C-alpha atoms as a PDB file:
ATOM      1  CA  UNK A   1       0.207  -0.011  -0.292  1.00  0.00           C
ATOM      2  CA  UNK A   2       1.199   3.627  -0.898  1.00  0.00           C
ATOM      3  CA  UNK A   3       0.822   5.884   1.828  1.00  0.00           C
ATOM      4  CA  UNK A   4       2.570   9.717   1.886  1.00  0.00           C
ATOM      5  CA  UNK A   5       3.343  11.397   4.928  1.00  0.00           C
ATOM      6  CA  UNK A   6       4.038  15.481   4.652  1.00  0.00           C
ATOM      7  CA  UNK A   7       7.079  16.473   6.117  1.00  0.00           C
ATOM      8  CA  UNK A   8       9.113  20.402   5.482  1.00  0.00           C
ATOM      9  CA  UNK A   9      11.371  21.309   2.701  1.00  0.00           C
ATOM     10  CA  UNK A  10      13.992  23.281   3.136  1.00  0.00           C
ATOM     11  CA  UNK A  11      12.243  26.278   1.835  1.00  0.00           C
ATOM     12  CA  UNK A  12       9.570  25.243   5.039  1.00  0.00           C
ATOM     13  CA  UNK A  13       6.955  24.055   2.392  1.00  0.00           C
ATOM     14  CA  UNK A  14       5.640  21.297   2.663  1.00  0.00           C
ATOM     15  CA  UNK A  15       6.153  18.532   0.374  1.00  0.00           C
ATOM     16  CA  UNK A  16       4.195  15.125   0.398  1.00  0.00           C
ATOM     17  CA  UNK A  17       7.381  11.704   1.373  1.00  0.00           C
ATOM     18  CA  UNK A  18       6.165   8.978  -1.256  1.00  0.00           C
ATOM     19  CA  UNK A  19       6.466   5.492   0.464  1.00  0.00           C
ATOM     20  CA  UNK A  20       6.530   2.756  -1.806  1.00  0.00           C
ATOM     21  CA  UNK A  21       5.383   0.188   1.040  1.00  0.00           C
ATOM     22  CA  UNK A  22       8.571  -1.580   1.739  1.00  0.00           C
ATOM     23  CA  UNK A  23      12.243   0.077   0.690  1.00  0.00           C
ATOM     24  CA  UNK A  24      12.671  -2.595  -1.091  1.00  0.00           C
ATOM     25  CA  UNK A  25      10.400  -1.984  -3.377  1.00  0.00           C
ATOM     26  CA  UNK A  26      12.049   0.582  -4.868  1.00  0.00           C
ATOM     27  CA  UNK A  27      15.718  -0.388  -4.200  1.00  0.00           C
ATOM     28  CA  UNK A  28      15.872  -4.012  -3.207  1.00  0.00           C
ATOM     29  CA  UNK A  29      19.047  -4.673  -5.050  1.00  0.00           C
ATOM     30  CA  UNK A  30      21.007  -2.540  -2.420  1.00  0.00           C
ATOM     31  CA  UNK A  31      22.308  -2.987   0.851  1.00  0.00           C
ATOM     32  CA  UNK A  32      19.729  -2.348   3.730  1.00  0.00           C
ATOM     33  CA  UNK A  33      21.657   0.399   5.035  1.00  0.00           C
ATOM     34  CA  UNK A  34      21.100   1.961   1.625  1.00  0.00           C
ATOM     35  CA  UNK A  35      17.696   0.804   1.309  1.00  0.00           C
ATOM     36  CA  UNK A  36      16.873   2.668   4.208  1.00  0.00           C
ATOM     37  CA  UNK A  37      18.386   5.803   2.611  1.00  0.00           C
ATOM     38  CA  UNK A  38      16.826   5.970  -0.298  1.00  0.00           C
ATOM     39  CA  UNK A  39      13.652   5.311   1.400  1.00  0.00           C
ATOM     40  CA  UNK A  40      13.423   8.035   3.558  1.00  0.00           C
ATOM     41  CA  UNK A  41      14.997  10.840   1.061  1.00  0.00           C
ATOM     42  CA  UNK A  42      12.637  10.256  -2.509  1.00  0.00           C
ATOM     43  CA  UNK A  43       9.398  12.194  -3.106  1.00  0.00           C
ATOM     44  CA  UNK A  44       6.114  11.816  -4.549  1.00  0.00           C
ATOM     45  CA  UNK A  45       6.666  13.855  -7.838  1.00  0.00           C
ATOM     46  CA  UNK A  46       5.402  16.860  -8.647  1.00  0.00           C
ATOM     47  CA  UNK A  47       1.468  17.078  -8.375  1.00  0.00           C
ATOM     48  CA  UNK A  48       0.914  18.396 -11.952  1.00  0.00           C
ATOM     49  CA  UNK A  49       3.714  16.524 -13.730  1.00  0.00           C
ATOM     50  CA  UNK A  50       1.256  15.094 -16.335  1.00  0.00           C
ATOM     51  CA  UNK A  51      -0.373  18.325 -16.704  1.00  0.00           C
ATOM     52  CA  UNK A  52       2.517  20.145 -18.174  1.00  0.00           C
ATOM     53  CA  UNK A  53       3.014  21.149 -21.903  1.00  0.00           C
ATOM     54  CA  UNK A  54       6.263  21.155 -23.714  1.00  0.00           C
ATOM     55  CA  UNK A  55       7.641  22.552 -26.604  1.00  0.00           C
ATOM     56  CA  UNK A  56       9.078  20.651 -28.957  1.00  0.00           C
ATOM     57  CA  UNK A  57       9.667  17.333 -27.062  1.00  0.00           C
ATOM     58  CA  UNK A  58      13.297  16.481 -27.717  1.00  0.00           C
ATOM     59  CA  UNK A  59      12.724  12.391 -27.918  1.00  0.00           C
ATOM     60  CA  UNK A  60      10.277  13.266 -30.910  1.00  0.00           C
ATOM     61  CA  UNK A  61      13.565  14.870 -32.699  1.00  0.00           C
ATOM     62  CA  UNK A  62      16.659  13.702 -31.452  1.00  0.00           C
ATOM     63  CA  UNK A  63      18.210  10.136 -30.510  1.00  0.00           C
ATOM     64  CA  UNK A  64      17.064   8.565 -27.307  1.00  0.00           C
ATOM     65  CA  UNK A  65      17.966   6.218 -24.600  1.00  0.00           C
ATOM     66  CA  UNK A  66      16.589   3.879 -22.415  1.00  0.00           C
ATOM     67  CA  UNK A  67      17.407   1.541 -19.628  1.00  0.00           C
ATOM     68  CA  UNK A  68      15.073  -1.220 -18.143  1.00  0.00           C
ATOM     69  CA  UNK A  69      14.845  -1.784 -15.258  1.00  0.00           C
ATOM     70  CA  UNK A  70      14.022  -4.990 -15.626  1.00  0.00           C
ATOM     71  CA  UNK A  71      13.741  -6.127 -11.902  1.00  0.00           C
ATOM     72  CA  UNK A  72      11.982  -2.628 -11.040  1.00  0.00           C
ATOM     73  CA  UNK A  73       8.567  -2.764  -8.624  1.00  0.00           C
ATOM     74  CA  UNK A  74       8.194   1.534  -8.682  1.00  0.00           C
ATOM     75  CA  UNK A  75       7.349   1.136 -12.673  1.00  0.00           C
ATOM     76  CA  UNK A  76       6.610  -1.956 -14.660  1.00  0.00           C
ATOM     77  CA  UNK A  77       9.143  -2.964 -16.584  1.00  0.00           C
ATOM     78  CA  UNK A  78       6.612  -3.345 -19.864  1.00  0.00           C
ATOM     79  CA  UNK A  79       5.935   0.162 -19.320  1.00  0.00           C
ATOM     80  CA  UNK A  80       9.483   0.988 -19.566  1.00  0.00           C
ATOM     81  CA  UNK A  81       9.586  -0.932 -22.101  1.00  0.00           C
ATOM     82  CA  UNK A  82       6.731   0.863 -23.806  1.00  0.00           C
ATOM     83  CA  UNK A  83       7.444   4.386 -23.309  1.00  0.00           C
ATOM     84  CA  UNK A  84      11.272   3.346 -25.296  1.00  0.00           C
ATOM     85  CA  UNK A  85       9.475   1.917 -28.031  1.00  0.00           C
ATOM     86  CA  UNK A  86       7.664   5.159 -28.173  1.00  0.00           C
ATOM     87  CA  UNK A  87      10.699   7.016 -27.914  1.00  0.00           C
ATOM     88  CA  UNK A  88      11.898   5.047 -30.966  1.00  0.00           C
ATOM     89  CA  UNK A  89      14.737   4.559 -28.007  1.00  0.00           C
ATOM     90  CA  UNK A  90      17.729   2.424 -28.293  1.00  0.00           C
ATOM     91  CA  UNK A  91      16.844   0.405 -25.024  1.00  0.00           C
ATOM     92  CA  UNK A  92      19.357  -1.631 -22.576  1.00  0.00           C
ATOM     93  CA  UNK A  93      18.221  -4.041 -20.292  1.00  0.00           C
ATOM     94  CA  UNK A  94      19.763  -4.061 -17.037  1.00  0.00           C
ATOM     95  CA  UNK A  95      18.864  -6.736 -13.794  1.00  0.00           C
ATOM     96  CA  UNK A  96      18.179  -3.681 -11.913  1.00  0.00           C
ATOM     97  CA  UNK A  97      15.561  -2.096  -9.276  1.00  0.00           C
ATOM     98  CA  UNK A  98      14.194   1.381  -9.828  1.00  0.00           C
ATOM     99  CA  UNK A  99      18.219   2.464  -9.227  1.00  0.00           C
ATOM    100  CA  UNK A 100      20.319   2.019 -11.303  1.00  0.00           C
ATOM    101  CA  UNK A 101      22.285   4.135 -11.266  1.00  0.00           C
ATOM    102  CA  UNK A 102      22.931   3.292  -7.346  1.00  0.00           C
ATOM    103  CA  UNK A 103      23.042  -0.126  -7.877  1.00  0.00           C
ATOM    104  CA  UNK A 104      24.798  -0.480 -11.276  1.00  0.00           C
ATOM    105  CA  UNK A 105      26.612   2.913 -11.985  1.00  0.00           C
ATOM    106  CA  UNK A 106      29.066   1.366 -14.076  1.00  0.00           C
ATOM    107  CA  UNK A 107      26.401  -0.411 -15.989  1.00  0.00           C
ATOM    108  CA  UNK A 108      24.334   3.322 -16.426  1.00  0.00           C
ATOM    109  CA  UNK A 109      28.017   4.800 -17.502  1.00  0.00           C
ATOM    110  CA  UNK A 110      28.786   2.346 -19.968  1.00  0.00           C
ATOM    111  CA  UNK A 111      24.668   3.271 -21.083  1.00  0.00           C
ATOM    112  CA  UNK A 112      25.999   7.237 -21.353  1.00  0.00           C
ATOM    113  CA  UNK A 113      29.214   6.624 -22.675  1.00  0.00           C
ATOM    114  CA  UNK A 114      27.500   4.195 -25.468  1.00  0.00           C
ATOM    115  CA  UNK A 115      25.472   7.392 -25.888  1.00  0.00           C
ATOM    116  CA  UNK A 116      27.356  10.066 -26.044  1.00  0.00           C
ATOM    117  CA  UNK A 117      29.876   7.737 -28.485  1.00  0.00           C
ATOM    118  CA  UNK A 118      26.600   7.755 -30.914  1.00  0.00           C
ATOM    119  CA  UNK A 119      26.208  11.131 -30.244  1.00  0.00           C
ATOM    120  CA  UNK A 120      29.599  12.315 -31.005  1.00  0.00           C
ATOM    121  CA  UNK A 121      29.771   9.936 -34.159  1.00  0.00           C
ATOM    122  CA  UNK A 122      26.575  11.756 -35.798  1.00  0.00           C
ATOM    123  CA  UNK A 123      28.289  15.114 -35.037  1.00  0.00           C
ATOM    124  CA  UNK A 124      31.561  13.923 -36.654  1.00  0.00           C
ATOM    125  CA  UNK A 125      29.298  13.053 -39.503  1.00  0.00           C
ATOM    126  CA  UNK A 126      27.664  16.527 -39.885  1.00  0.00           C
ATOM    127  CA  UNK A 127      24.181  14.196 -39.456  1.00  0.00           C
ATOM    128  CA  UNK A 128      21.318  16.294 -38.657  1.00  0.00           C
ATOM    129  CA  UNK A 129      19.000  15.509 -36.001  1.00  0.00           C
END
């Protein structure tokens, strides 16, 4: 069950802290100590997140990369795959919880380097995105 707790932020405004039932629901491949840190410091997204409108959405005109966390329980891996396919993104799957940037930083860095290399090669070839 998901519950939210209201806590004061550094600016004095009230913010909502998301609770995903248990720490391992978000970061199951981290140590119990690291799970505790993630669990107590992550927050719900902004309330208007899904109502915001933006001009020039980058993934519609530029190459995109996506990591699917196959062991994730926060966002279902099939939903991540759907979003990546919709963006026509180069997709990398990692056996990771929702936080591969914490549990597998080396793998995440490899993906960033590959994406940067592709971008560099396109720029060097003067190819337009």
